[in-house]
Amino acid sequence: MQYFMFVATDTQPDRSGDEGIPIEQWVAENDERGTRIAGDRLRSIEDATLVRVRDGETIVTDGPFTESKEWIAGYDILDCRDLDEAIEIASRHPMARGGRIELRPFWTGDGE
């Protein structure tokens, strides 16, 4: 099953002092296992562009539209046996401690 993994900042990071493994190690391990299909950091929220269509008109807004202290910093696409494996992989990502991780299964279109 494939999962989209949102890597986001968080206003309340883990303060236990356990930083876990470096991001380069996490990437290398999951690339080697074949559980990481793709992933990358995203540019700053100041580089974001919001696109909406209202009453047939395309409205483009520079920068973040919502006011939030948390923002998506990156993503990974995972290919896992099940949700338990995806959780295990996500829990080892450095941002699971310094930020937060959201796992979302891909829509398969089979009525799930």
PDB file of N, CA and C in Angstrom:
ATOM      1  N   MET A   1       0.849  -1.174   0.000  1.00  0.00           N
ATOM      2  CA  MET A   1       0.000   0.000   0.000  1.00  0.00           C
ATOM      3  C   MET A   1       0.893   1.235   0.000  1.00  0.00           C
ATOM      4  N   GLN A   2       0.506   2.224  -0.773  1.00  0.00           N
ATOM      5  CA  GLN A   2       1.286   3.456  -0.824  1.00  0.00           C
ATOM      6  C   GLN A   2       0.690   4.512   0.100  1.00  0.00           C
ATOM      7  N   TYR A   3       1.597   5.250   0.730  1.00  0.00           N
ATOM      8  CA  TYR A   3       1.221   6.325   1.648  1.00  0.00           C
ATOM      9  C   TYR A   3       1.940   7.600   1.251  1.00  0.00           C
ATOM     10  N   PHE A   4       1.232   8.706   1.326  1.00  0.00           N
ATOM     11  CA  PHE A   4       1.850  10.022   1.194  1.00  0.00           C
ATOM     12  C   PHE A   4       2.172  10.465   2.606  1.00  0.00           C
ATOM     13  N   MET A   5       3.405  10.827   2.848  1.00  0.00           N
ATOM     14  CA  MET A   5       3.841  11.215   4.174  1.00  0.00           C
ATOM     15  C   MET A   5       4.145  12.711   4.170  1.00  0.00           C
ATOM     16  N   PHE A   6       3.273  13.488   4.807  1.00  0.00           N
ATOM     17  CA  PHE A   6       3.499  14.922   4.963  1.00  0.00           C
ATOM     18  C   PHE A   6       4.476  15.118   6.118  1.00  0.00           C
ATOM     19  N   VAL A   7       5.529  15.863   5.885  1.00  0.00           N
ATOM     20  CA  VAL A   7       6.505  16.193   6.920  1.00  0.00           C
ATOM     21  C   VAL A   7       6.268  17.651   7.273  1.00  0.00           C
ATOM     22  N   ALA A   8       5.844  17.909   8.505  1.00  0.00           N
ATOM     23  CA  ALA A   8       5.428  19.260   8.871  1.00  0.00           C
ATOM     24  C   ALA A   8       6.126  19.739  10.138  1.00  0.00           C
ATOM     25  N   THR A   9       6.187  21.049  10.266  1.00  0.00           N
ATOM     26  CA  THR A   9       6.708  21.647  11.489  1.00  0.00           C
ATOM     27  C   THR A   9       5.652  21.520  12.575  1.00  0.00           C
ATOM     28  N   ASP A  10       6.055  21.779  13.802  1.00  0.00           N
ATOM     29  CA  ASP A  10       5.127  21.695  14.925  1.00  0.00           C
ATOM     30  C   ASP A  10       5.570  22.703  15.974  1.00  0.00           C
ATOM     31  N   THR A  11       4.629  23.346  16.621  1.00  0.00           N
ATOM     32  CA  THR A  11       4.969  24.342  17.634  1.00  0.00           C
ATOM     33  C   THR A  11       5.383  23.694  18.954  1.00  0.00           C
ATOM     34  N   GLN A  12       5.179  22.379  19.088  1.00  0.00           N
ATOM     35  CA  GLN A  12       5.544  21.692  20.326  1.00  0.00           C
ATOM     36  C   GLN A  12       6.404  20.468  20.014  1.00  0.00           C
ATOM     37  N   PRO A  13       7.688  20.675  19.663  1.00  0.00           N
ATOM     38  CA  PRO A  13       8.560  19.543  19.356  1.00  0.00           C
ATOM     39  C   PRO A  13       8.907  18.742  20.604  1.00  0.00           C
ATOM     40  N   ASP A  14       9.408  17.517  20.391  1.00  0.00           N
ATOM     41  CA  ASP A  14       9.887  16.670  21.476  1.00  0.00           C
ATOM     42  C   ASP A  14      11.113  17.326  22.108  1.00  0.00           C
ATOM     43  N   ARG A  15      11.132  17.433  23.405  1.00  0.00           N
ATOM     44  CA  ARG A  15      12.248  18.074  24.096  1.00  0.00           C
ATOM     45  C   ARG A  15      13.027  17.079  24.960  1.00  0.00           C
ATOM     46  N   SER A  16      12.899  15.783  24.659  1.00  0.00           N
ATOM     47  CA  SER A  16      13.557  14.755  25.466  1.00  0.00           C
ATOM     48  C   SER A  16      15.063  14.709  25.254  1.00  0.00           C
ATOM     49  N   GLY A  17      15.548  15.316  24.174  1.00  0.00           N
ATOM     50  CA  GLY A  17      16.972  15.273  23.877  1.00  0.00           C
ATOM     51  C   GLY A  17      17.347  14.149  22.934  1.00  0.00           C
ATOM     52  N   ASP A  18      16.436  13.214  22.671  1.00  0.00           N
ATOM     53  CA  ASP A  18      16.692  12.121  21.740  1.00  0.00           C
ATOM     54  C   ASP A  18      16.387  12.615  20.332  1.00  0.00           C
ATOM     55  N   GLU A  19      17.430  12.875  19.565  1.00  0.00           N
ATOM     56  CA  GLU A  19      17.241  13.402  18.220  1.00  0.00           C
ATOM     57  C   GLU A  19      17.040  12.312  17.182  1.00  0.00           C
ATOM     58  N   GLY A  20      17.214  11.048  17.566  1.00  0.00           N
ATOM     59  CA  GLY A  20      17.039   9.964  16.612  1.00  0.00           C
ATOM     60  C   GLY A  20      18.162   9.945  15.586  1.00  0.00           C
ATOM     61  N   ILE A  21      17.867   9.397  14.417  1.00  0.00           N
ATOM     62  CA  ILE A  21      18.881   9.267  13.373  1.00  0.00           C
ATOM     63  C   ILE A  21      18.869  10.497  12.466  1.00  0.00           C
ATOM     64  N   PRO A  22      19.997  10.793  11.816  1.00  0.00           N
ATOM     65  CA  PRO A  22      20.029  11.917  10.869  1.00  0.00           C
ATOM     66  C   PRO A  22      19.153  11.627   9.645  1.00  0.00           C
ATOM     67  N   ILE A  23      18.655  12.660   9.024  1.00  0.00           N
ATOM     68  CA  ILE A  23      17.772  12.517   7.868  1.00  0.00           C
ATOM     69  C   ILE A  23      18.451  11.731   6.748  1.00  0.00           C
ATOM     70  N   GLU A  24      19.747  11.945   6.554  1.00  0.00           N
ATOM     71  CA  GLU A  24      20.457  11.229   5.488  1.00  0.00           C
ATOM     72  C   GLU A  24      20.421   9.721   5.730  1.00  0.00           C
ATOM     73  N   GLN A  25      20.526   9.308   6.972  1.00  0.00           N
ATOM     74  CA  GLN A  25      20.461   7.877   7.308  1.00  0.00           C
ATOM     75  C   GLN A  25      19.052   7.341   7.087  1.00  0.00           C
ATOM     76  N   TRP A  26      18.038   8.102   7.494  1.00  0.00           N
ATOM     77  CA  TRP A  26      16.649   7.683   7.302  1.00  0.00           C
ATOM     78  C   TRP A  26      16.367   7.479   5.811  1.00  0.00           C
ATOM     79  N   VAL A  27      16.801   8.437   4.978  1.00  0.00           N
ATOM     80  CA  VAL A  27      16.584   8.342   3.531  1.00  0.00           C
ATOM     81  C   VAL A  27      17.309   7.119   2.979  1.00  0.00           C
ATOM     82  N   ALA A  28      18.582   6.947   3.331  1.00  0.00           N
ATOM     83  CA  ALA A  28      19.370   5.826   2.815  1.00  0.00           C
ATOM     84  C   ALA A  28      18.757   4.481   3.206  1.00  0.00           C
ATOM     85  N   GLU A  29      18.337   4.348   4.467  1.00  0.00           N
ATOM     86  CA  GLU A  29      17.745   3.093   4.934  1.00  0.00           C
ATOM     87  C   GLU A  29      16.474   2.755   4.161  1.00  0.00           C
ATOM     88  N   ASN A  30      15.621   3.735   3.962  1.00  0.00           N
ATOM     89  CA  ASN A  30      14.343   3.458   3.308  1.00  0.00           C
ATOM     90  C   ASN A  30      14.484   3.333   1.798  1.00  0.00           C
ATOM     91  N   ASP A  31      15.461   4.006   1.204  1.00  0.00           N
ATOM     92  CA  ASP A  31      15.743   3.788  -0.213  1.00  0.00           C
ATOM     93  C   ASP A  31      16.247   2.364  -0.419  1.00  0.00           C
ATOM     94  N   GLU A  32      17.134   1.912   0.470  1.00  0.00           N
ATOM     95  CA  GLU A  32      17.687   0.562   0.375  1.00  0.00           C
ATOM     96  C   GLU A  32      16.601  -0.505   0.565  1.00  0.00           C
ATOM     97  N   ARG A  33      15.680  -0.282   1.504  1.00  0.00           N
ATOM     98  CA  ARG A  33      14.576  -1.218   1.756  1.00  0.00           C
ATOM     99  C   ARG A  33      13.541  -1.209   0.638  1.00  0.00           C
ATOM    100  N   GLY A  34      13.535  -0.149  -0.154  1.00  0.00           N
ATOM    101  CA  GLY A  34      12.536  -0.011  -1.203  1.00  0.00           C
ATOM    102  C   GLY A  34      11.205   0.507  -0.696  1.00  0.00           C
ATOM    103  N   THR A  35      11.185   1.041   0.527  1.00  0.00           N
ATOM    104  CA  THR A  35       9.937   1.556   1.095  1.00  0.00           C
ATOM    105  C   THR A  35       9.740   3.042   0.810  1.00  0.00           C
ATOM    106  N   ARG A  36      10.783   3.715   0.329  1.00  0.00           N
ATOM    107  CA  ARG A  36      10.674   5.139  -0.016  1.00  0.00           C
ATOM    108  C   ARG A  36      10.761   5.265  -1.526  1.00  0.00           C
ATOM    109  N   ILE A  37       9.662   5.698  -2.134  1.00  0.00           N
ATOM    110  CA  ILE A  37       9.598   5.836  -3.590  1.00  0.00           C
ATOM    111  C   ILE A  37      10.157   7.180  -4.030  1.00  0.00           C
ATOM    112  N   ALA A  38       9.810   8.234  -3.312  1.00  0.00           N
ATOM    113  CA  ALA A  38      10.250   9.586  -3.651  1.00  0.00           C
ATOM    114  C   ALA A  38      10.088  10.461  -2.419  1.00  0.00           C
ATOM    115  N   GLY A  39      10.722  11.625  -2.454  1.00  0.00           N
ATOM    116  CA  GLY A  39      10.565  12.573  -1.365  1.00  0.00           C
ATOM    117  C   GLY A  39      11.522  13.726  -1.529  1.00  0.00           C
ATOM    118  N   ASP A  40      11.189  14.835  -0.895  1.00  0.00           N
ATOM    119  CA  ASP A  40      12.063  15.999  -0.964  1.00  0.00           C
ATOM    120  C   ASP A  40      11.585  17.055   0.017  1.00  0.00           C
ATOM    121  N   ARG A  41      12.465  18.012   0.280  1.00  0.00           N
ATOM    122  CA  ARG A  41      12.080  19.187   1.057  1.00  0.00           C
ATOM    123  C   ARG A  41      11.298  20.117   0.140  1.00  0.00           C
ATOM    124  N   LEU A  42      10.513  20.974   0.737  1.00  0.00           N
ATOM    125  CA  LEU A  42       9.791  21.993  -0.016  1.00  0.00           C
ATOM    126  C   LEU A  42      10.408  23.351   0.289  1.00  0.00           C
ATOM    127  N   ARG A  43      10.283  24.259  -0.658  1.00  0.00           N
ATOM    128  CA  ARG A  43      10.761  25.621  -0.436  1.00  0.00           C
ATOM    129  C   ARG A  43       9.922  26.275   0.653  1.00  0.00           C
ATOM    130  N   SER A  44      10.378  27.401   1.144  1.00  0.00           N
ATOM    131  CA  SER A  44       9.736  28.126   2.228  1.00  0.00           C
ATOM    132  C   SER A  44       8.295  28.515   1.876  1.00  0.00           C
ATOM    133  N   ILE A  45       7.469  28.697   2.901  1.00  0.00           N
ATOM    134  CA  ILE A  45       6.074  29.082   2.674  1.00  0.00           C
ATOM    135  C   ILE A  45       5.954  30.428   1.978  1.00  0.00           C
ATOM    136  N   GLU A  46       6.987  31.258   2.069  1.00  0.00           N
ATOM    137  CA  GLU A  46       6.959  32.537   1.358  1.00  0.00           C
ATOM    138  C   GLU A  46       6.972  32.341  -0.160  1.00  0.00           C
ATOM    139  N   ASP A  47       7.406  31.174  -0.614  1.00  0.00           N
ATOM    140  CA  ASP A  47       7.428  30.867  -2.044  1.00  0.00           C
ATOM    141  C   ASP A  47       6.153  30.170  -2.510  1.00  0.00           C
ATOM    142  N   ALA A  48       5.201  29.995  -1.619  1.00  0.00           N
ATOM    143  CA  ALA A  48       3.956  29.303  -1.960  1.00  0.00           C
ATOM    144  C   ALA A  48       3.066  30.182  -2.844  1.00  0.00           C
ATOM    145  N   THR A  49       2.275  29.539  -3.662  1.00  0.00           N
ATOM    146  CA  THR A  49       1.277  30.213  -4.491  1.00  0.00           C
ATOM    147  C   THR A  49      -0.044  29.481  -4.310  1.00  0.00           C
ATOM    148  N   LEU A  50      -1.059  30.203  -3.971  1.00  0.00           N
ATOM    149  CA  LEU A  50      -2.394  29.641  -3.787  1.00  0.00           C
ATOM    150  C   LEU A  50      -3.204  29.910  -5.051  1.00  0.00           C
ATOM    151  N   VAL A  51      -3.837  28.868  -5.582  1.00  0.00           N
ATOM    152  CA  VAL A  51      -4.657  29.010  -6.791  1.00  0.00           C
ATOM    153  C   VAL A  51      -6.079  28.562  -6.453  1.00  0.00           C
ATOM    154  N   ARG A  52      -7.039  29.425  -6.739  1.00  0.00           N
ATOM    155  CA  ARG A  52      -8.462  29.117  -6.539  1.00  0.00           C
ATOM    156  C   ARG A  52      -9.227  29.583  -7.769  1.00  0.00           C
ATOM    157  N   VAL A  53     -10.348  28.950  -8.026  1.00  0.00           N
ATOM    158  CA  VAL A  53     -11.256  29.420  -9.072  1.00  0.00           C
ATOM    159  C   VAL A  53     -12.587  29.714  -8.398  1.00  0.00           C
ATOM    160  N   ARG A  54     -13.062  30.936  -8.578  1.00  0.00           N
ATOM    161  CA  ARG A  54     -14.332  31.379  -8.008  1.00  0.00           C
ATOM    162  C   ARG A  54     -15.112  32.092  -9.098  1.00  0.00           C
ATOM    163  N   ASP A  55     -16.338  31.642  -9.322  1.00  0.00           N
ATOM    164  CA  ASP A  55     -17.202  32.224 -10.348  1.00  0.00           C
ATOM    165  C   ASP A  55     -16.497  32.298 -11.701  1.00  0.00           C
ATOM    166  N   GLY A  56     -15.717  31.241 -12.023  1.00  0.00           N
ATOM    167  CA  GLY A  56     -15.045  31.164 -13.308  1.00  0.00           C
ATOM    168  C   GLY A  56     -13.766  31.971 -13.417  1.00  0.00           C
ATOM    169  N   GLU A  57     -13.392  32.686 -12.362  1.00  0.00           N
ATOM    170  CA  GLU A  57     -12.179  33.507 -12.385  1.00  0.00           C
ATOM    171  C   GLU A  57     -11.076  32.825 -11.584  1.00  0.00           C
ATOM    172  N   THR A  58      -9.887  32.764 -12.171  1.00  0.00           N
ATOM    173  CA  THR A  58      -8.734  32.205 -11.477  1.00  0.00           C
ATOM    174  C   THR A  58      -8.122  33.281 -10.588  1.00  0.00           C
ATOM    175  N   ILE A  59      -8.017  32.960  -9.303  1.00  0.00           N
ATOM    176  CA  ILE A  59      -7.470  33.893  -8.321  1.00  0.00           C
ATOM    177  C   ILE A  59      -6.151  33.312  -7.820  1.00  0.00           C
ATOM    178  N   VAL A  60      -5.079  34.079  -7.962  1.00  0.00           N
ATOM    179  CA  VAL A  60      -3.751  33.639  -7.545  1.00  0.00           C
ATOM    180  C   VAL A  60      -3.274  34.543  -6.414  1.00  0.00           C
ATOM    181  N   THR A  61      -2.853  33.934  -5.313  1.00  0.00           N
ATOM    182  CA  THR A  61      -2.376  34.677  -4.155  1.00  0.00           C
ATOM    183  C   THR A  61      -0.958  34.229  -3.841  1.00  0.00           C
ATOM    184  N   ASP A  62      -0.048  35.172  -3.677  1.00  0.00           N
ATOM    185  CA  ASP A  62       1.321  34.845  -3.300  1.00  0.00           C
ATOM    186  C   ASP A  62       1.395  34.529  -1.824  1.00  0.00           C
ATOM    187  N   GLY A  63       2.295  33.620  -1.484  1.00  0.00           N
ATOM    188  CA  GLY A  63       2.557  33.299  -0.086  1.00  0.00           C
ATOM    189  C   GLY A  63       1.447  32.480   0.536  1.00  0.00           C
ATOM    190  N   PRO A  64       1.612  32.148   1.788  1.00  0.00           N
ATOM    191  CA  PRO A  64       0.603  31.316   2.456  1.00  0.00           C
ATOM    192  C   PRO A  64      -0.697  32.087   2.639  1.00  0.00           C
ATOM    193  N   PHE A  65      -1.794  31.395   2.472  1.00  0.00           N
ATOM    194  CA  PHE A  65      -3.094  32.023   2.618  1.00  0.00           C
ATOM    195  C   PHE A  65      -3.591  31.907   4.052  1.00  0.00           C
ATOM    196  N   THR A  66      -3.363  30.750   4.662  1.00  0.00           N
ATOM    197  CA  THR A  66      -3.819  30.561   6.034  1.00  0.00           C
ATOM    198  C   THR A  66      -2.759  31.051   6.998  1.00  0.00           C
ATOM    199  N   GLU A  67      -3.186  31.510   8.119  1.00  0.00           N
ATOM    200  CA  GLU A  67      -2.252  31.934   9.139  1.00  0.00           C
ATOM    201  C   GLU A  67      -2.054  30.766  10.094  1.00  0.00           C
ATOM    202  N   SER A  68      -0.870  30.196  10.048  1.00  0.00           N
ATOM    203  CA  SER A  68      -0.572  29.028  10.855  1.00  0.00           C
ATOM    204  C   SER A  68       0.893  29.048  11.254  1.00  0.00           C
ATOM    205  N   LYS A  69       1.184  28.549  12.432  1.00  0.00           N
ATOM    206  CA  LYS A  69       2.571  28.444  12.867  1.00  0.00           C
ATOM    207  C   LYS A  69       3.170  27.131  12.376  1.00  0.00           C
ATOM    208  N   GLU A  70       2.339  26.240  11.873  1.00  0.00           N
ATOM    209  CA  GLU A  70       2.793  24.953  11.361  1.00  0.00           C
ATOM    210  C   GLU A  70       2.652  24.959   9.845  1.00  0.00           C
ATOM    211  N   TRP A  71       3.598  24.338   9.148  1.00  0.00           N
ATOM    212  CA  TRP A  71       3.538  24.280   7.698  1.00  0.00           C
ATOM    213  C   TRP A  71       4.233  23.019   7.206  1.00  0.00           C
ATOM    214  N   ILE A  72       3.851  22.583   6.036  1.00  0.00           N
ATOM    215  CA  ILE A  72       4.433  21.387   5.447  1.00  0.00           C
ATOM    216  C   ILE A  72       5.827  21.734   4.946  1.00  0.00           C
ATOM    217  N   ALA A  73       6.824  20.983   5.411  1.00  0.00           N
ATOM    218  CA  ALA A  73       8.220  21.249   5.078  1.00  0.00           C
ATOM    219  C   ALA A  73       8.739  20.294   4.006  1.00  0.00           C
ATOM    220  N   GLY A  74       8.063  19.178   3.824  1.00  0.00           N
ATOM    221  CA  GLY A  74       8.521  18.201   2.847  1.00  0.00           C
ATOM    222  C   GLY A  74       7.530  17.056   2.738  1.00  0.00           C
ATOM    223  N   TYR A  75       7.908  16.068   1.952  1.00  0.00           N
ATOM    224  CA  TYR A  75       7.025  14.925   1.736  1.00  0.00           C
ATOM    225  C   TYR A  75       7.862  13.706   1.370  1.00  0.00           C
ATOM    226  N   ASP A  76       7.262  12.551   1.543  1.00  0.00           N
ATOM    227  CA  ASP A  76       7.814  11.298   1.058  1.00  0.00           C
ATOM    228  C   ASP A  76       6.650  10.434   0.609  1.00  0.00           C
ATOM    229  N   ILE A  77       6.889   9.618  -0.388  1.00  0.00           N
ATOM    230  CA  ILE A  77       5.915   8.624  -0.819  1.00  0.00           C
ATOM    231  C   ILE A  77       6.472   7.277  -0.404  1.00  0.00           C
ATOM    232  N   LEU A  78       5.702   6.565   0.396  1.00  0.00           N
ATOM    233  CA  LEU A  78       6.135   5.284   0.927  1.00  0.00           C
ATOM    234  C   LEU A  78       5.356   4.142   0.292  1.00  0.00           C
ATOM    235  N   ASP A  79       6.000   3.005   0.154  1.00  0.00           N
ATOM    236  CA  ASP A  79       5.352   1.780  -0.308  1.00  0.00           C
ATOM    237  C   ASP A  79       5.569   0.739   0.778  1.00  0.00           C
ATOM    238  N   CYS A  80       4.515   0.440   1.535  1.00  0.00           N
ATOM    239  CA  CYS A  80       4.625  -0.394   2.731  1.00  0.00           C
ATOM    240  C   CYS A  80       3.661  -1.575   2.677  1.00  0.00           C
ATOM    241  N   ARG A  81       3.955  -2.584   3.467  1.00  0.00           N
ATOM    242  CA  ARG A  81       3.056  -3.741   3.575  1.00  0.00           C
ATOM    243  C   ARG A  81       1.688  -3.310   4.096  1.00  0.00           C
ATOM    244  N   ASP A  82       1.736  -2.426   5.116  1.00  0.00           N
ATOM    245  CA  ASP A  82       0.510  -2.020   5.793  1.00  0.00           C
ATOM    246  C   ASP A  82       0.768  -0.745   6.591  1.00  0.00           C
ATOM    247  N   LEU A  83      -0.261  -0.287   7.275  1.00  0.00           N
ATOM    248  CA  LEU A  83      -0.151   0.940   8.059  1.00  0.00           C
ATOM    249  C   LEU A  83       0.883   0.796   9.169  1.00  0.00           C
ATOM    250  N   ASP A  84       0.987  -0.373   9.779  1.00  0.00           N
ATOM    251  CA  ASP A  84       1.963  -0.568  10.850  1.00  0.00           C
ATOM    252  C   ASP A  84       3.389  -0.317  10.359  1.00  0.00           C
ATOM    253  N   GLU A  85       3.727  -0.812   9.168  1.00  0.00           N
ATOM    254  CA  GLU A  85       5.060  -0.569   8.635  1.00  0.00           C
ATOM    255  C   GLU A  85       5.244   0.916   8.330  1.00  0.00           C
ATOM    256  N   ALA A  86       4.229   1.578   7.792  1.00  0.00           N
ATOM    257  CA  ALA A  86       4.315   3.016   7.507  1.00  0.00           C
ATOM    258  C   ALA A  86       4.535   3.811   8.796  1.00  0.00           C
ATOM    259  N   ILE A  87       3.864   3.427   9.875  1.00  0.00           N
ATOM    260  CA  ILE A  87       4.037   4.101  11.168  1.00  0.00           C
ATOM    261  C   ILE A  87       5.453   3.896  11.684  1.00  0.00           C
ATOM    262  N   GLU A  88       5.981   2.682  11.553  1.00  0.00           N
ATOM    263  CA  GLU A  88       7.345   2.393  12.007  1.00  0.00           C
ATOM    264  C   GLU A  88       8.341   3.263  11.251  1.00  0.00           C
ATOM    265  N   ILE A  89       8.170   3.378   9.952  1.00  0.00           N
ATOM    266  CA  ILE A  89       9.065   4.197   9.127  1.00  0.00           C
ATOM    267  C   ILE A  89       8.933   5.669   9.511  1.00  0.00           C
ATOM    268  N   ALA A  90       7.706   6.160   9.638  1.00  0.00           N
ATOM    269  CA  ALA A  90       7.476   7.566   9.983  1.00  0.00           C
ATOM    270  C   ALA A  90       8.033   7.904  11.363  1.00  0.00           C
ATOM    271  N   SER A  91       7.939   6.979  12.297  1.00  0.00           N
ATOM    272  CA  SER A  91       8.403   7.256  13.662  1.00  0.00           C
ATOM    273  C   SER A  91       9.914   7.413  13.738  1.00  0.00           C
ATOM    274  N   ARG A  92      10.642   6.900  12.755  1.00  0.00           N
ATOM    275  CA  ARG A  92      12.096   7.030  12.728  1.00  0.00           C
ATOM    276  C   ARG A  92      12.555   8.303  12.008  1.00  0.00           C
ATOM    277  N   HIS A  93      11.650   8.991  11.331  1.00  0.00           N
ATOM    278  CA  HIS A  93      12.000  10.226  10.625  1.00  0.00           C
ATOM    279  C   HIS A  93      12.326  11.305  11.659  1.00  0.00           C
ATOM    280  N   PRO A  94      13.407  12.063  11.464  1.00  0.00           N
ATOM    281  CA  PRO A  94      13.772  13.093  12.448  1.00  0.00           C
ATOM    282  C   PRO A  94      12.652  14.087  12.751  1.00  0.00           C
ATOM    283  N   MET A  95      11.817  14.402  11.775  1.00  0.00           N
ATOM    284  CA  MET A  95      10.746  15.370  12.027  1.00  0.00           C
ATOM    285  C   MET A  95       9.609  14.784  12.852  1.00  0.00           C
ATOM    286  N   ALA A  96       9.622  13.482  13.109  1.00  0.00           N
ATOM    287  CA  ALA A  96       8.637  12.925  14.039  1.00  0.00           C
ATOM    288  C   ALA A  96       8.911  13.458  15.448  1.00  0.00           C
ATOM    289  N   ARG A  97      10.159  13.865  15.689  1.00  0.00           N
ATOM    290  CA  ARG A  97      10.529  14.441  16.981  1.00  0.00           C
ATOM    291  C   ARG A  97      10.490  15.975  16.954  1.00  0.00           C
ATOM    292  N   GLY A  98      10.978  16.564  15.883  1.00  0.00           N
ATOM    293  CA  GLY A  98      11.058  18.020  15.799  1.00  0.00           C
ATOM    294  C   GLY A  98       9.830  18.667  15.197  1.00  0.00           C
ATOM    295  N   GLY A  99       8.998  17.867  14.586  1.00  0.00           N
ATOM    296  CA  GLY A  99       7.790  18.372  13.944  1.00  0.00           C
ATOM    297  C   GLY A  99       6.672  17.364  14.095  1.00  0.00           C
ATOM    298  N   ARG A 100       6.038  17.053  12.989  1.00  0.00           N
ATOM    299  CA  ARG A 100       4.995  16.028  13.006  1.00  0.00           C
ATOM    300  C   ARG A 100       4.913  15.398  11.628  1.00  0.00           C
ATOM    301  N   ILE A 101       4.420  14.188  11.596  1.00  0.00           N
ATOM    302  CA  ILE A 101       4.291  13.429  10.360  1.00  0.00           C
ATOM    303  C   ILE A 101       2.826  13.036  10.195  1.00  0.00           C
ATOM    304  N   GLU A 102       2.292  13.254   9.009  1.00  0.00           N
ATOM    305  CA  GLU A 102       0.946  12.781   8.700  1.00  0.00           C
ATOM    306  C   GLU A 102       1.065  11.737   7.595  1.00  0.00           C
ATOM    307  N   LEU A 103       0.495  10.570   7.833  1.00  0.00           N
ATOM    308  CA  LEU A 103       0.456   9.513   6.833  1.00  0.00           C
ATOM    309  C   LEU A 103      -0.942   9.461   6.239  1.00  0.00           C
ATOM    310  N   ARG A 104      -1.003   9.422   4.924  1.00  0.00           N
ATOM    311  CA  ARG A 104      -2.307   9.325   4.283  1.00  0.00           C
ATOM    312  C   ARG A 104      -2.225   8.314   3.149  1.00  0.00           C
ATOM    313  N   PRO A 105      -3.074   7.261   3.191  1.00  0.00           N
ATOM    314  CA  PRO A 105      -3.027   6.269   2.111  1.00  0.00           C
ATOM    315  C   PRO A 105      -3.514   6.866   0.800  1.00  0.00           C
ATOM    316  N   PHE A 106      -2.933   6.368  -0.291  1.00  0.00           N
ATOM    317  CA  PHE A 106      -3.370   6.791  -1.608  1.00  0.00           C
ATOM    318  C   PHE A 106      -4.774   6.241  -1.855  1.00  0.00           C
ATOM    319  N   TRP A 107      -5.570   7.015  -2.549  1.00  0.00           N
ATOM    320  CA  TRP A 107      -6.909   6.587  -2.943  1.00  0.00           C
ATOM    321  C   TRP A 107      -6.751   5.578  -4.068  1.00  0.00           C
ATOM    322  N   THR A 108      -7.313   4.404  -3.896  1.00  0.00           N
ATOM    323  CA  THR A 108      -7.165   3.384  -4.923  1.00  0.00           C
ATOM    324  C   THR A 108      -8.356   3.326  -5.855  1.00  0.00           C
ATOM    325  N   GLY A 109      -9.442   4.028  -5.511  1.00  0.00           N
ATOM    326  CA  GLY A 109     -10.610   4.064  -6.365  1.00  0.00           C
ATOM    327  C   GLY A 109     -11.463   2.811  -6.303  1.00  0.00           C
ATOM    328  N   ASP A 110     -11.171   1.940  -5.343  1.00  0.00           N
ATOM    329  CA  ASP A 110     -11.924   0.690  -5.263  1.00  0.00           C
ATOM    330  C   ASP A 110     -13.003   0.728  -4.187  1.00  0.00           C
ATOM    331  N   GLY A 111     -13.464   1.919  -3.866  1.00  0.00           N
ATOM    332  CA  GLY A 111     -14.555   2.059  -2.898  1.00  0.00           C
ATOM    333  C   GLY A 111     -14.119   2.062  -1.455  1.00  0.00           C
ATOM    334  N   GLU A 112     -12.832   2.167  -1.195  1.00  0.00           N
ATOM    335  CA  GLU A 112     -12.356   2.192   0.195  1.00  0.00           C
ATOM    336  C   GLU A 112     -12.864   3.409   0.919  1.00  0.00           C
TER     337      GLU A 112
END
